Amino acid sequence: MAAVREVRALFASFEDSSATPAAPVPTEVAQAFAALPRSVRATFVRFTLEELATLAPGNSVEVRVPPLGVTQCVAGPRHTRGTPPSVVETSPAVWAALVLGACSWEQAVAAGVLDASGERSDLSTLLTLF
């Protein structure tokens, strides 16, 4: 998929950037990601969310990457209305870094750039996707 290749190339070009515990996605990487066309960012986020849902089917965790996408995944208690029992939310740039292995789940949570609530919200074993 072209969007995945483009985002992977962008992150690869910043491999030497120094991520810190306070900033798991360096500012220059986040800015370069934001400069990509919206269609590329949206396609990347939606495709990777779809891949996550395929890898871990279910509806007990809602993964939100506003404003570009949302999915439900991970088997568990069925809910029929409202917010699922577990919710994960992060920015598109942090989501890209998690999916591509440029930052770890633990780094993102510790830096406060990823909100995860609920008993099944730890997706660290499912990421990196690519």
C-alpha atoms as a PDB file:
ATOM      1  CA  MET A   1       0.000   0.000   0.000  1.00  0.00           C
ATOM      2  CA  ALA A   2       1.414   3.349  -1.082  1.00  0.00           C
ATOM      3  CA  ALA A   3       0.477   5.252   2.081  1.00  0.00           C
ATOM      4  CA  VAL A   4       2.251   2.705   4.291  1.00  0.00           C
ATOM      5  CA  ARG A   5       5.374   2.851   2.120  1.00  0.00           C
ATOM      6  CA  GLU A   6       5.378   6.656   2.224  1.00  0.00           C
ATOM      7  CA  VAL A   7       5.001   6.869   6.002  1.00  0.00           C
ATOM      8  CA  ARG A   8       7.604   4.120   6.535  1.00  0.00           C
ATOM      9  CA  ALA A   9      10.044   6.036   4.332  1.00  0.00           C
ATOM     10  CA  LEU A  10       9.398   9.223   6.288  1.00  0.00           C
ATOM     11  CA  PHE A  11      10.102   7.530   9.628  1.00  0.00           C
ATOM     12  CA  ALA A  12      13.168   5.769   8.193  1.00  0.00           C
ATOM     13  CA  SER A  13      14.601   9.120   7.107  1.00  0.00           C
ATOM     14  CA  PHE A  14      14.524  10.204  10.764  1.00  0.00           C
ATOM     15  CA  GLU A  15      16.043   7.027  12.253  1.00  0.00           C
ATOM     16  CA  ASP A  16      18.844   9.003  13.872  1.00  0.00           C
ATOM     17  CA  SER A  17      16.436  11.452  15.543  1.00  0.00           C
ATOM     18  CA  SER A  18      16.714  11.311  19.269  1.00  0.00           C
ATOM     19  CA  ALA A  19      13.494  10.220  20.882  1.00  0.00           C
ATOM     20  CA  THR A  20      13.437  10.876  24.607  1.00  0.00           C
ATOM     21  CA  PRO A  21      11.210   9.480  27.338  1.00  0.00           C
ATOM     22  CA  ALA A  22       9.411  12.835  27.408  1.00  0.00           C
ATOM     23  CA  ALA A  23       9.019  12.924  23.609  1.00  0.00           C
ATOM     24  CA  PRO A  24       8.853   9.431  22.101  1.00  0.00           C
ATOM     25  CA  VAL A  25       8.083  11.011  18.707  1.00  0.00           C
ATOM     26  CA  PRO A  26      10.607  13.807  18.095  1.00  0.00           C
ATOM     27  CA  THR A  27       9.124  17.146  17.070  1.00  0.00           C
ATOM     28  CA  GLU A  28      10.712  17.100  13.623  1.00  0.00           C
ATOM     29  CA  VAL A  29       9.205  13.677  12.902  1.00  0.00           C
ATOM     30  CA  ALA A  30       5.748  14.778  14.059  1.00  0.00           C
ATOM     31  CA  GLN A  31       6.011  17.923  11.930  1.00  0.00           C
ATOM     32  CA  ALA A  32       7.106  15.966   8.854  1.00  0.00           C
ATOM     33  CA  PHE A  33       4.243  13.514   9.380  1.00  0.00           C
ATOM     34  CA  ALA A  34       1.769  16.398   9.699  1.00  0.00           C
ATOM     35  CA  ALA A  35       3.131  17.866   6.446  1.00  0.00           C
ATOM     36  CA  LEU A  36       2.157  14.744   4.496  1.00  0.00           C
ATOM     37  CA  PRO A  37      -1.057  15.116   2.496  1.00  0.00           C
ATOM     38  CA  ARG A  38      -4.124  14.432   4.622  1.00  0.00           C
ATOM     39  CA  SER A  39      -5.140  11.636   2.247  1.00  0.00           C
ATOM     40  CA  VAL A  40      -1.848   9.810   2.912  1.00  0.00           C
ATOM     41  CA  ARG A  41      -2.127  10.219   6.689  1.00  0.00           C
ATOM     42  CA  ALA A  42      -5.793   9.179   6.699  1.00  0.00           C
ATOM     43  CA  THR A  43      -5.204   6.147   4.485  1.00  0.00           C
ATOM     44  CA  PHE A  44      -2.253   5.065   6.628  1.00  0.00           C
ATOM     45  CA  VAL A  45      -4.196   5.393   9.891  1.00  0.00           C
ATOM     46  CA  ARG A  46      -7.334   3.697   8.583  1.00  0.00           C
ATOM     47  CA  PHE A  47      -5.435   0.855   6.932  1.00  0.00           C
ATOM     48  CA  THR A  48      -3.363   0.153  10.046  1.00  0.00           C
ATOM     49  CA  LEU A  49      -6.438   0.290  12.280  1.00  0.00           C
ATOM     50  CA  GLU A  50      -8.085  -2.220   9.951  1.00  0.00           C
ATOM     51  CA  GLU A  51      -4.999  -4.443  10.183  1.00  0.00           C
ATOM     52  CA  LEU A  52      -5.123  -4.250  13.986  1.00  0.00           C
ATOM     53  CA  ALA A  53      -8.802  -5.239  13.975  1.00  0.00           C
ATOM     54  CA  THR A  54      -7.972  -8.186  11.699  1.00  0.00           C
ATOM     55  CA  LEU A  55      -5.102  -9.261  13.946  1.00  0.00           C
ATOM     56  CA  ALA A  56      -7.196  -9.010  17.127  1.00  0.00           C
ATOM     57  CA  PRO A  57     -10.883  -9.309  16.202  1.00  0.00           C
ATOM     58  CA  GLY A  58     -13.461  -8.299  18.764  1.00  0.00           C
ATOM     59  CA  ASN A  59     -15.134  -5.252  20.164  1.00  0.00           C
ATOM     60  CA  SER A  60     -13.971  -4.812  23.747  1.00  0.00           C
ATOM     61  CA  VAL A  61     -11.352  -2.121  22.963  1.00  0.00           C
ATOM     62  CA  GLU A  62     -11.983   1.009  20.938  1.00  0.00           C
ATOM     63  CA  VAL A  63      -8.852   2.517  19.380  1.00  0.00           C
ATOM     64  CA  ARG A  64      -9.258   6.180  18.478  1.00  0.00           C
ATOM     65  CA  VAL A  65      -6.839   8.161  16.327  1.00  0.00           C
ATOM     66  CA  PRO A  66      -8.687  11.463  15.927  1.00  0.00           C
ATOM     67  CA  PRO A  67      -9.564  12.913  13.545  1.00  0.00           C
ATOM     68  CA  LEU A  68      -8.538  10.188  11.106  1.00  0.00           C
ATOM     69  CA  GLY A  69      -9.900   6.873  12.304  1.00  0.00           C
ATOM     70  CA  VAL A  70     -11.344   4.547  14.897  1.00  0.00           C
ATOM     71  CA  THR A  71     -11.765   0.788  15.216  1.00  0.00           C
ATOM     72  CA  GLN A  72     -12.851  -1.807  17.708  1.00  0.00           C
ATOM     73  CA  CYS A  73     -10.721  -4.838  18.409  1.00  0.00           C
ATOM     74  CA  VAL A  74      -9.740  -7.473  20.999  1.00  0.00           C
ATOM     75  CA  ALA A  75     -12.087 -10.231  22.044  1.00  0.00           C
ATOM     76  CA  GLY A  76     -13.823  -9.796  25.350  1.00  0.00           C
ATOM     77  CA  PRO A  77     -17.098  -8.780  26.930  1.00  0.00           C
ATOM     78  CA  ARG A  78     -19.699  -7.796  24.392  1.00  0.00           C
ATOM     79  CA  HIS A  79     -21.150  -4.331  24.673  1.00  0.00           C
ATOM     80  CA  THR A  80     -23.997  -3.020  22.571  1.00  0.00           C
ATOM     81  CA  ARG A  81     -24.286   0.660  23.391  1.00  0.00           C
ATOM     82  CA  GLY A  82     -21.989   3.532  24.172  1.00  0.00           C
ATOM     83  CA  THR A  83     -18.290   3.465  24.827  1.00  0.00           C
ATOM     84  CA  PRO A  84     -16.589   0.052  25.051  1.00  0.00           C
ATOM     85  CA  PRO A  85     -15.092  -1.037  28.392  1.00  0.00           C
ATOM     86  CA  SER A  86     -11.559  -0.213  27.195  1.00  0.00           C
ATOM     87  CA  VAL A  87     -10.473   2.810  25.151  1.00  0.00           C
ATOM     88  CA  VAL A  88      -7.132   3.751  23.598  1.00  0.00           C
ATOM     89  CA  GLU A  89      -6.603   7.213  22.111  1.00  0.00           C
ATOM     90  CA  THR A  90      -3.573   8.887  20.560  1.00  0.00           C
ATOM     91  CA  SER A  91      -2.557  11.286  17.806  1.00  0.00           C
ATOM     92  CA  PRO A  92      -1.922  10.155  14.223  1.00  0.00           C
ATOM     93  CA  ALA A  93       1.853  10.762  14.526  1.00  0.00           C
ATOM     94  CA  VAL A  94       2.139   8.709  17.712  1.00  0.00           C
ATOM     95  CA  TRP A  95      -0.033   5.972  16.192  1.00  0.00           C
ATOM     96  CA  ALA A  96       2.306   5.844  13.178  1.00  0.00           C
ATOM     97  CA  ALA A  97       5.328   5.599  15.480  1.00  0.00           C
ATOM     98  CA  LEU A  98       3.708   2.755  17.443  1.00  0.00           C
ATOM     99  CA  VAL A  99       2.677   0.846  14.326  1.00  0.00           C
ATOM    100  CA  LEU A 100       6.123   1.192  12.750  1.00  0.00           C
ATOM    101  CA  GLY A 101       8.062   0.422  15.932  1.00  0.00           C
ATOM    102  CA  ALA A 102       9.592   3.888  16.191  1.00  0.00           C
ATOM    103  CA  CYS A 103       8.396   4.135  19.795  1.00  0.00           C
ATOM    104  CA  SER A 104       7.151   1.596  22.295  1.00  0.00           C
ATOM    105  CA  TRP A 105       3.777   1.407  23.994  1.00  0.00           C
ATOM    106  CA  GLU A 106       5.463   2.004  27.346  1.00  0.00           C
ATOM    107  CA  GLN A 107       7.259   5.136  26.072  1.00  0.00           C
ATOM    108  CA  ALA A 108       4.030   6.604  24.698  1.00  0.00           C
ATOM    109  CA  VAL A 109       2.088   5.937  27.905  1.00  0.00           C
ATOM    110  CA  ALA A 110       4.894   7.296  30.120  1.00  0.00           C
ATOM    111  CA  ALA A 111       5.136  10.466  28.019  1.00  0.00           C
ATOM    112  CA  GLY A 112       1.386  11.009  28.255  1.00  0.00           C
ATOM    113  CA  VAL A 113       0.888  10.968  24.478  1.00  0.00           C
ATOM    114  CA  LEU A 114      -1.287   7.845  24.582  1.00  0.00           C
ATOM    115  CA  ASP A 115      -4.351   7.434  26.784  1.00  0.00           C
ATOM    116  CA  ALA A 116      -5.327   3.848  27.576  1.00  0.00           C
ATOM    117  CA  SER A 117      -8.090   2.914  29.995  1.00  0.00           C
ATOM    118  CA  GLY A 118      -9.745  -0.377  30.805  1.00  0.00           C
ATOM    119  CA  GLU A 119      -8.513  -3.874  31.562  1.00  0.00           C
ATOM    120  CA  ARG A 120      -7.843  -4.874  27.936  1.00  0.00           C
ATOM    121  CA  SER A 121      -6.392  -1.560  26.758  1.00  0.00           C
ATOM    122  CA  ASP A 122      -2.720  -2.628  26.748  1.00  0.00           C
ATOM    123  CA  LEU A 123      -2.075  -3.317  23.062  1.00  0.00           C
ATOM    124  CA  SER A 124       1.707  -3.546  23.418  1.00  0.00           C
ATOM    125  CA  THR A 125       1.740  -7.207  22.384  1.00  0.00           C
ATOM    126  CA  LEU A 126      -0.108  -6.374  19.142  1.00  0.00           C
ATOM    127  CA  LEU A 127       2.105  -3.508  18.006  1.00  0.00           C
ATOM    128  CA  THR A 128       4.465  -3.166  15.938  1.00  0.00           C
ATOM    129  CA  LEU A 129       2.393  -4.018  12.846  1.00  0.00           C
ATOM    130  CA  PHE A 130       5.046  -3.311  10.185  1.00  0.00           C
END
